[in-house]
Amino acid sequence: MWVERTPDEISKWQTSAVEEARSHARLIAIGVLLLVSVLVAGGWFVSFRGGFAVHRTMLGSFWLRLLIIAVMMAPFSWFVFRRECRNELAKIHGRSICPKCDTAADGAAGALCPCGGTFVPQSTVKWIEDEPKSIA
């Protein structure tokens, strides 16, 4: 059953949500950094206007080009990290639950559920298992 969180639990949930968002953003940003750096250092260029990829022969060592391009891509990866962190945190904060019927929704806090209950932010409630009924 769903019960209200205490203010301390809400604080811990907020911290956990920020860490989850940062972890997600870190994965995406590192993936972008690695993928773009390797493709460009390998000689692949994408024309978004034309919609095709072209391989060009490039001078120099692949590893030197990779290092230079990775350094040049670092600010873009930082931008991707910040953007993804903000977007993921907004998604996490937008999750809501109807405690009456256990239905989940995104961005529906305060809205009425078809069961007659009201959606509440996930940050304000937690799930606790019902105590087993003893047979005596």
N, C-alpha and C. Protein backbone atom coordinates (compact mmCIF):
# COMPACT_ATOMS: atom_id res chain seq x y z
N MET A 1 0.84 -1.17 0.00
CA MET A 1 0.00 0.00 0.00
C MET A 1 0.89 1.24 0.00
N TRP A 2 0.37 2.33 -0.51
CA TRP A 2 1.12 3.59 -0.60
C TRP A 2 0.89 4.42 0.66
N VAL A 3 2.00 4.93 1.23
CA VAL A 3 1.92 5.79 2.41
C VAL A 3 2.75 7.05 2.16
N GLU A 4 2.43 8.09 2.91
CA GLU A 4 3.15 9.37 2.78
C GLU A 4 4.60 9.22 3.27
N ARG A 5 5.50 9.89 2.59
CA ARG A 5 6.90 9.93 3.03
C ARG A 5 7.07 11.02 4.09
N THR A 6 8.03 10.82 4.96
CA THR A 6 8.37 11.86 5.93
C THR A 6 9.25 12.89 5.22
N PRO A 7 9.39 14.10 5.78
CA PRO A 7 10.27 15.10 5.15
C PRO A 7 11.70 14.61 4.96
N ASP A 8 12.21 13.81 5.89
CA ASP A 8 13.56 13.26 5.75
C ASP A 8 13.62 12.29 4.57
N GLU A 9 12.59 11.46 4.41
CA GLU A 9 12.54 10.52 3.30
C GLU A 9 12.42 11.26 1.96
N ILE A 10 11.68 12.35 1.95
CA ILE A 10 11.55 13.14 0.72
C ILE A 10 12.92 13.73 0.36
N SER A 11 13.65 14.19 1.34
CA SER A 11 14.98 14.73 1.11
C SER A 11 15.91 13.66 0.54
N LYS A 12 15.86 12.46 1.09
CA LYS A 12 16.68 11.36 0.58
C LYS A 12 16.24 10.98 -0.83
N TRP A 13 14.94 11.03 -1.11
CA TRP A 13 14.45 10.72 -2.44
C TRP A 13 14.97 11.75 -3.44
N GLN A 14 14.97 13.03 -3.05
CA GLN A 14 15.48 14.08 -3.94
C GLN A 14 16.95 13.83 -4.27
N THR A 15 17.74 13.49 -3.26
CA THR A 15 19.16 13.21 -3.48
C THR A 15 19.33 12.02 -4.42
N SER A 16 18.55 10.99 -4.20
CA SER A 16 18.61 9.81 -5.05
C SER A 16 18.20 10.14 -6.48
N ALA A 17 17.20 10.99 -6.65
CA ALA A 17 16.74 11.37 -7.99
C ALA A 17 17.84 12.15 -8.73
N VAL A 18 18.52 13.03 -8.03
CA VAL A 18 19.61 13.79 -8.65
C VAL A 18 20.73 12.85 -9.07
N GLU A 19 21.09 11.89 -8.23
CA GLU A 19 22.14 10.94 -8.57
C GLU A 19 21.73 10.07 -9.76
N GLU A 20 20.47 9.66 -9.81
CA GLU A 20 19.98 8.86 -10.93
C GLU A 20 20.05 9.67 -12.23
N ALA A 21 19.66 10.93 -12.18
CA ALA A 21 19.71 11.79 -13.35
C ALA A 21 21.15 12.01 -13.81
N ARG A 22 22.06 12.22 -12.87
CA ARG A 22 23.47 12.42 -13.23
C ARG A 22 24.06 11.16 -13.84
N SER A 23 23.70 10.01 -13.30
CA SER A 23 24.21 8.75 -13.84
C SER A 23 23.74 8.55 -15.28
N HIS A 24 22.48 8.81 -15.53
CA HIS A 24 21.93 8.70 -16.88
C HIS A 24 22.63 9.67 -17.82
N ALA A 25 22.78 10.92 -17.39
CA ALA A 25 23.40 11.94 -18.22
C ALA A 25 24.86 11.62 -18.49
N ARG A 26 25.55 11.09 -17.49
CA ARG A 26 26.96 10.72 -17.66
C ARG A 26 27.10 9.64 -18.72
N LEU A 27 26.23 8.65 -18.69
CA LEU A 27 26.27 7.57 -19.68
C LEU A 27 26.06 8.12 -21.09
N ILE A 28 25.08 8.98 -21.26
CA ILE A 28 24.79 9.55 -22.58
C ILE A 28 25.95 10.42 -23.06
N ALA A 29 26.47 11.29 -22.19
CA ALA A 29 27.54 12.21 -22.59
C ALA A 29 28.82 11.46 -22.95
N ILE A 30 29.17 10.43 -22.18
CA ILE A 30 30.37 9.66 -22.50
C ILE A 30 30.17 8.89 -23.80
N GLY A 31 28.97 8.37 -24.01
CA GLY A 31 28.67 7.69 -25.27
C GLY A 31 28.80 8.61 -26.46
N VAL A 32 28.28 9.81 -26.34
CA VAL A 32 28.39 10.80 -27.43
C VAL A 32 29.86 11.14 -27.67
N LEU A 33 30.59 11.39 -26.61
CA LEU A 33 32.01 11.74 -26.74
C LEU A 33 32.79 10.64 -27.45
N LEU A 34 32.60 9.41 -27.01
CA LEU A 34 33.33 8.29 -27.61
C LEU A 34 32.91 8.04 -29.05
N LEU A 35 31.62 7.98 -29.29
CA LEU A 35 31.13 7.66 -30.63
C LEU A 35 31.54 8.72 -31.65
N VAL A 36 31.30 9.97 -31.34
CA VAL A 36 31.63 11.03 -32.29
C VAL A 36 33.14 11.12 -32.49
N SER A 37 33.90 11.02 -31.41
CA SER A 37 35.36 11.12 -31.53
C SER A 37 35.93 10.01 -32.39
N VAL A 38 35.48 8.78 -32.16
CA VAL A 38 36.00 7.65 -32.94
C VAL A 38 35.59 7.77 -34.41
N LEU A 39 34.33 8.14 -34.66
CA LEU A 39 33.89 8.25 -36.06
C LEU A 39 34.62 9.37 -36.80
N VAL A 40 34.77 10.52 -36.19
CA VAL A 40 35.44 11.63 -36.87
C VAL A 40 36.93 11.34 -37.01
N ALA A 41 37.56 10.77 -35.99
CA ALA A 41 38.98 10.43 -36.09
C ALA A 41 39.22 9.35 -37.14
N GLY A 42 38.25 8.49 -37.34
CA GLY A 42 38.35 7.45 -38.35
C GLY A 42 38.10 7.96 -39.76
N GLY A 43 37.69 9.21 -39.89
CA GLY A 43 37.51 9.79 -41.21
C GLY A 43 36.06 9.87 -41.68
N TRP A 44 35.12 9.56 -40.81
CA TRP A 44 33.71 9.60 -41.20
C TRP A 44 33.12 10.97 -40.90
N PHE A 45 32.45 11.54 -41.89
CA PHE A 45 31.75 12.81 -41.74
C PHE A 45 30.32 12.63 -42.19
N VAL A 46 29.41 13.25 -41.46
CA VAL A 46 27.99 13.12 -41.77
C VAL A 46 27.48 14.46 -42.29
N SER A 47 26.76 14.39 -43.41
CA SER A 47 26.11 15.58 -43.95
C SER A 47 24.64 15.50 -43.55
N PHE A 48 24.25 16.32 -42.58
CA PHE A 48 22.85 16.28 -42.14
C PHE A 48 21.95 16.89 -43.19
N ARG A 49 22.45 17.84 -43.94
CA ARG A 49 21.65 18.46 -45.00
C ARG A 49 21.39 17.46 -46.13
N GLY A 50 22.45 16.75 -46.53
CA GLY A 50 22.31 15.77 -47.61
C GLY A 50 21.80 14.43 -47.14
N GLY A 51 21.96 14.13 -45.84
CA GLY A 51 21.46 12.87 -45.29
C GLY A 51 22.34 11.68 -45.59
N PHE A 52 23.66 11.85 -45.65
CA PHE A 52 24.54 10.74 -45.94
C PHE A 52 25.85 10.88 -45.15
N ALA A 53 26.59 9.79 -45.08
CA ALA A 53 27.90 9.78 -44.42
C ALA A 53 28.97 9.52 -45.46
N VAL A 54 30.10 10.19 -45.30
CA VAL A 54 31.19 10.07 -46.26
C VAL A 54 32.46 9.71 -45.50
N HIS A 55 33.23 8.79 -46.06
CA HIS A 55 34.52 8.45 -45.47
C HIS A 55 35.61 9.14 -46.28
N ARG A 56 36.46 9.87 -45.56
CA ARG A 56 37.55 10.57 -46.22
C ARG A 56 38.87 10.05 -45.66
N THR A 57 39.87 10.01 -46.55
CA THR A 57 41.20 9.64 -46.11
C THR A 57 41.82 10.85 -45.41
N MET A 58 42.38 10.60 -44.23
CA MET A 58 42.94 11.69 -43.44
C MET A 58 44.41 11.41 -43.18
N LEU A 59 45.17 12.48 -43.04
CA LEU A 59 46.59 12.36 -42.76
C LEU A 59 46.83 12.22 -41.26
N GLY A 60 47.94 11.62 -40.90
CA GLY A 60 48.31 11.51 -39.50
C GLY A 60 47.82 10.22 -38.86
N SER A 61 48.24 10.05 -37.64
CA SER A 61 47.89 8.86 -36.87
C SER A 61 46.46 8.95 -36.36
N PHE A 62 45.78 7.81 -36.38
CA PHE A 62 44.41 7.76 -35.86
C PHE A 62 44.39 8.17 -34.39
N TRP A 63 45.35 7.71 -33.61
CA TRP A 63 45.35 7.96 -32.17
C TRP A 63 45.57 9.44 -31.85
N LEU A 64 46.40 10.11 -32.65
CA LEU A 64 46.62 11.54 -32.45
C LEU A 64 45.35 12.32 -32.81
N ARG A 65 44.73 11.94 -33.93
CA ARG A 65 43.46 12.59 -34.32
C ARG A 65 42.39 12.34 -33.26
N LEU A 66 42.35 11.13 -32.72
CA LEU A 66 41.36 10.79 -31.70
C LEU A 66 41.54 11.67 -30.46
N LEU A 67 42.77 11.84 -30.04
CA LEU A 67 43.04 12.68 -28.88
C LEU A 67 42.63 14.13 -29.13
N ILE A 68 42.99 14.67 -30.27
CA ILE A 68 42.66 16.06 -30.59
C ILE A 68 41.15 16.25 -30.69
N ILE A 69 40.48 15.35 -31.36
CA ILE A 69 39.03 15.48 -31.54
C ILE A 69 38.30 15.28 -30.20
N ALA A 70 38.79 14.36 -29.37
CA ALA A 70 38.17 14.16 -28.06
C ALA A 70 38.28 15.42 -27.21
N VAL A 71 39.42 16.08 -27.27
CA VAL A 71 39.58 17.34 -26.53
C VAL A 71 38.64 18.40 -27.08
N MET A 72 38.48 18.44 -28.39
CA MET A 72 37.58 19.41 -29.01
C MET A 72 36.12 19.10 -28.71
N MET A 73 35.79 17.83 -28.52
CA MET A 73 34.41 17.41 -28.25
C MET A 73 34.03 17.56 -26.78
N ALA A 74 35.00 17.74 -25.89
CA ALA A 74 34.72 17.81 -24.46
C ALA A 74 33.69 18.88 -24.10
N PRO A 75 33.78 20.11 -24.62
CA PRO A 75 32.74 21.09 -24.28
C PRO A 75 31.34 20.68 -24.76
N PHE A 76 31.26 20.06 -25.93
CA PHE A 76 29.97 19.59 -26.42
C PHE A 76 29.43 18.48 -25.53
N SER A 77 30.30 17.59 -25.09
CA SER A 77 29.87 16.51 -24.19
C SER A 77 29.39 17.07 -22.86
N TRP A 78 30.04 18.12 -22.37
CA TRP A 78 29.60 18.77 -21.13
C TRP A 78 28.20 19.35 -21.33
N PHE A 79 27.96 19.97 -22.48
CA PHE A 79 26.63 20.50 -22.80
C PHE A 79 25.60 19.37 -22.82
N VAL A 80 25.94 18.25 -23.45
CA VAL A 80 25.03 17.10 -23.52
C VAL A 80 24.75 16.58 -22.11
N PHE A 81 25.79 16.51 -21.27
CA PHE A 81 25.62 16.06 -19.89
C PHE A 81 24.63 16.95 -19.15
N ARG A 82 24.83 18.26 -19.23
CA ARG A 82 23.96 19.20 -18.52
C ARG A 82 22.52 19.09 -19.01
N ARG A 83 22.35 19.01 -20.32
CA ARG A 83 21.00 18.95 -20.91
C ARG A 83 20.30 17.65 -20.52
N GLU A 84 20.99 16.52 -20.64
CA GLU A 84 20.39 15.24 -20.30
C GLU A 84 20.09 15.14 -18.81
N CYS A 85 20.95 15.70 -17.98
CA CYS A 85 20.71 15.69 -16.54
C CYS A 85 19.44 16.47 -16.21
N ARG A 86 19.29 17.63 -16.81
CA ARG A 86 18.09 18.46 -16.57
C ARG A 86 16.83 17.74 -17.08
N ASN A 87 16.91 17.16 -18.28
CA ASN A 87 15.74 16.47 -18.84
C ASN A 87 15.35 15.24 -18.03
N GLU A 88 16.34 14.46 -17.62
CA GLU A 88 16.05 13.25 -16.84
C GLU A 88 15.48 13.61 -15.46
N LEU A 89 16.01 14.66 -14.85
CA LEU A 89 15.50 15.08 -13.55
C LEU A 89 14.05 15.55 -13.67
N ALA A 90 13.73 16.24 -14.76
CA ALA A 90 12.34 16.66 -15.00
C ALA A 90 11.43 15.45 -15.16
N LYS A 91 11.92 14.41 -15.85
CA LYS A 91 11.14 13.18 -16.02
C LYS A 91 10.89 12.51 -14.67
N ILE A 92 11.94 12.43 -13.87
CA ILE A 92 11.83 11.77 -12.57
C ILE A 92 10.84 12.54 -11.68
N HIS A 93 10.94 13.85 -11.66
CA HIS A 93 10.04 14.66 -10.83
C HIS A 93 8.61 14.65 -11.37
N GLY A 94 8.44 14.34 -12.64
CA GLY A 94 7.11 14.32 -13.24
C GLY A 94 6.33 13.04 -12.98
N ARG A 95 6.98 12.02 -12.46
CA ARG A 95 6.28 10.75 -12.20
C ARG A 95 5.26 10.93 -11.09
N SER A 96 4.08 10.38 -11.32
CA SER A 96 3.03 10.45 -10.31
C SER A 96 2.30 9.11 -10.22
N ILE A 97 1.66 8.91 -9.08
CA ILE A 97 1.01 7.62 -8.78
C ILE A 97 -0.34 7.88 -8.16
N CYS A 98 -1.31 7.06 -8.51
CA CYS A 98 -2.61 7.08 -7.83
C CYS A 98 -2.52 6.05 -6.70
N PRO A 99 -2.49 6.49 -5.45
CA PRO A 99 -2.36 5.55 -4.34
C PRO A 99 -3.54 4.60 -4.20
N LYS A 100 -4.66 4.97 -4.76
CA LYS A 100 -5.87 4.15 -4.62
C LYS A 100 -5.82 2.89 -5.48
N CYS A 101 -5.32 3.03 -6.74
CA CYS A 101 -5.33 1.88 -7.65
C CYS A 101 -3.96 1.50 -8.18
N ASP A 102 -2.88 2.15 -7.72
CA ASP A 102 -1.50 1.86 -8.12
C ASP A 102 -1.22 2.17 -9.59
N THR A 103 -1.95 3.09 -10.19
CA THR A 103 -1.71 3.48 -11.57
C THR A 103 -0.63 4.57 -11.60
N ALA A 104 0.31 4.42 -12.52
CA ALA A 104 1.38 5.41 -12.66
C ALA A 104 1.10 6.30 -13.87
N ALA A 105 1.57 7.54 -13.80
CA ALA A 105 1.41 8.48 -14.91
C ALA A 105 2.58 9.46 -14.90
N ASP A 106 2.77 10.13 -16.01
CA ASP A 106 3.82 11.15 -16.10
C ASP A 106 3.18 12.53 -16.15
N GLY A 107 3.60 13.38 -15.25
CA GLY A 107 3.14 14.76 -15.24
C GLY A 107 1.68 14.95 -14.91
N ALA A 108 1.09 14.03 -14.18
CA ALA A 108 -0.34 14.12 -13.89
C ALA A 108 -0.63 14.40 -12.42
N ALA A 109 0.33 14.92 -11.68
CA ALA A 109 0.12 15.17 -10.25
C ALA A 109 -1.05 16.12 -10.05
N GLY A 110 -1.99 15.72 -9.22
CA GLY A 110 -3.17 16.52 -8.95
C GLY A 110 -4.36 16.18 -9.84
N ALA A 111 -4.12 15.44 -10.91
CA ALA A 111 -5.21 15.06 -11.82
C ALA A 111 -6.02 13.92 -11.22
N LEU A 112 -7.25 13.79 -11.69
CA LEU A 112 -8.11 12.70 -11.22
C LEU A 112 -7.82 11.44 -12.00
N CYS A 113 -7.80 10.33 -11.27
CA CYS A 113 -7.60 9.01 -11.87
C CYS A 113 -8.97 8.44 -12.24
N PRO A 114 -9.07 7.58 -13.26
CA PRO A 114 -10.36 6.96 -13.60
C PRO A 114 -10.99 6.18 -12.45
N CYS A 115 -10.16 5.74 -11.47
CA CYS A 115 -10.70 4.98 -10.35
C CYS A 115 -11.37 5.90 -9.32
N GLY A 116 -11.20 7.20 -9.47
CA GLY A 116 -11.76 8.15 -8.51
C GLY A 116 -10.73 8.73 -7.56
N GLY A 117 -9.51 8.22 -7.59
CA GLY A 117 -8.43 8.74 -6.75
C GLY A 117 -7.76 9.94 -7.40
N THR A 118 -6.75 10.46 -6.76
CA THR A 118 -6.00 11.60 -7.27
C THR A 118 -4.54 11.22 -7.39
N PHE A 119 -3.92 11.57 -8.52
CA PHE A 119 -2.50 11.31 -8.71
C PHE A 119 -1.69 12.22 -7.80
N VAL A 120 -0.65 11.66 -7.18
CA VAL A 120 0.26 12.42 -6.30
C VAL A 120 1.68 12.21 -6.82
N PRO A 121 2.57 13.18 -6.60
CA PRO A 121 3.97 13.00 -7.03
C PRO A 121 4.60 11.78 -6.35
N GLN A 122 5.41 11.07 -7.12
CA GLN A 122 6.07 9.87 -6.58
C GLN A 122 6.98 10.22 -5.41
N SER A 123 7.48 11.45 -5.40
CA SER A 123 8.40 11.85 -4.33
C SER A 123 7.71 11.93 -2.97
N THR A 124 6.40 12.00 -2.94
CA THR A 124 5.68 12.18 -1.67
C THR A 124 5.12 10.89 -1.09
N VAL A 125 5.21 9.78 -1.83
CA VAL A 125 4.67 8.51 -1.34
C VAL A 125 5.69 7.40 -1.50
N LYS A 126 5.52 6.34 -0.72
CA LYS A 126 6.37 5.16 -0.84
C LYS A 126 5.50 3.91 -0.68
N TRP A 127 5.99 2.81 -1.21
CA TRP A 127 5.25 1.56 -1.15
C TRP A 127 5.71 0.76 0.07
N ILE A 128 4.74 0.29 0.83
CA ILE A 128 5.00 -0.58 1.98
C ILE A 128 4.12 -1.80 1.82
N GLU A 129 4.73 -2.97 1.95
CA GLU A 129 3.97 -4.21 1.84
C GLU A 129 2.99 -4.32 3.00
N ASP A 130 1.81 -4.82 2.69
CA ASP A 130 0.82 -5.06 3.73
C ASP A 130 1.33 -6.15 4.67
N GLU A 131 1.02 -6.01 5.94
CA GLU A 131 1.41 -7.03 6.90
C GLU A 131 0.59 -8.28 6.65
N PRO A 132 1.24 -9.45 6.65
CA PRO A 132 0.49 -10.68 6.41
C PRO A 132 -0.49 -10.93 7.56
N LYS A 133 -1.65 -11.38 7.17
CA LYS A 133 -2.68 -11.70 8.18
C LYS A 133 -2.39 -13.05 8.80
N SER A 134 -2.35 -13.08 10.10
CA SER A 134 -2.06 -14.36 10.76
C SER A 134 -3.34 -15.17 10.92
N ILE A 135 -3.20 -16.44 10.74
CA ILE A 135 -4.36 -17.34 10.88
C ILE A 135 -4.27 -17.93 12.27
N ALA A 136 -5.20 -17.53 13.13
CA ALA A 136 -5.16 -18.05 14.50
C ALA A 136 -6.55 -18.34 15.00
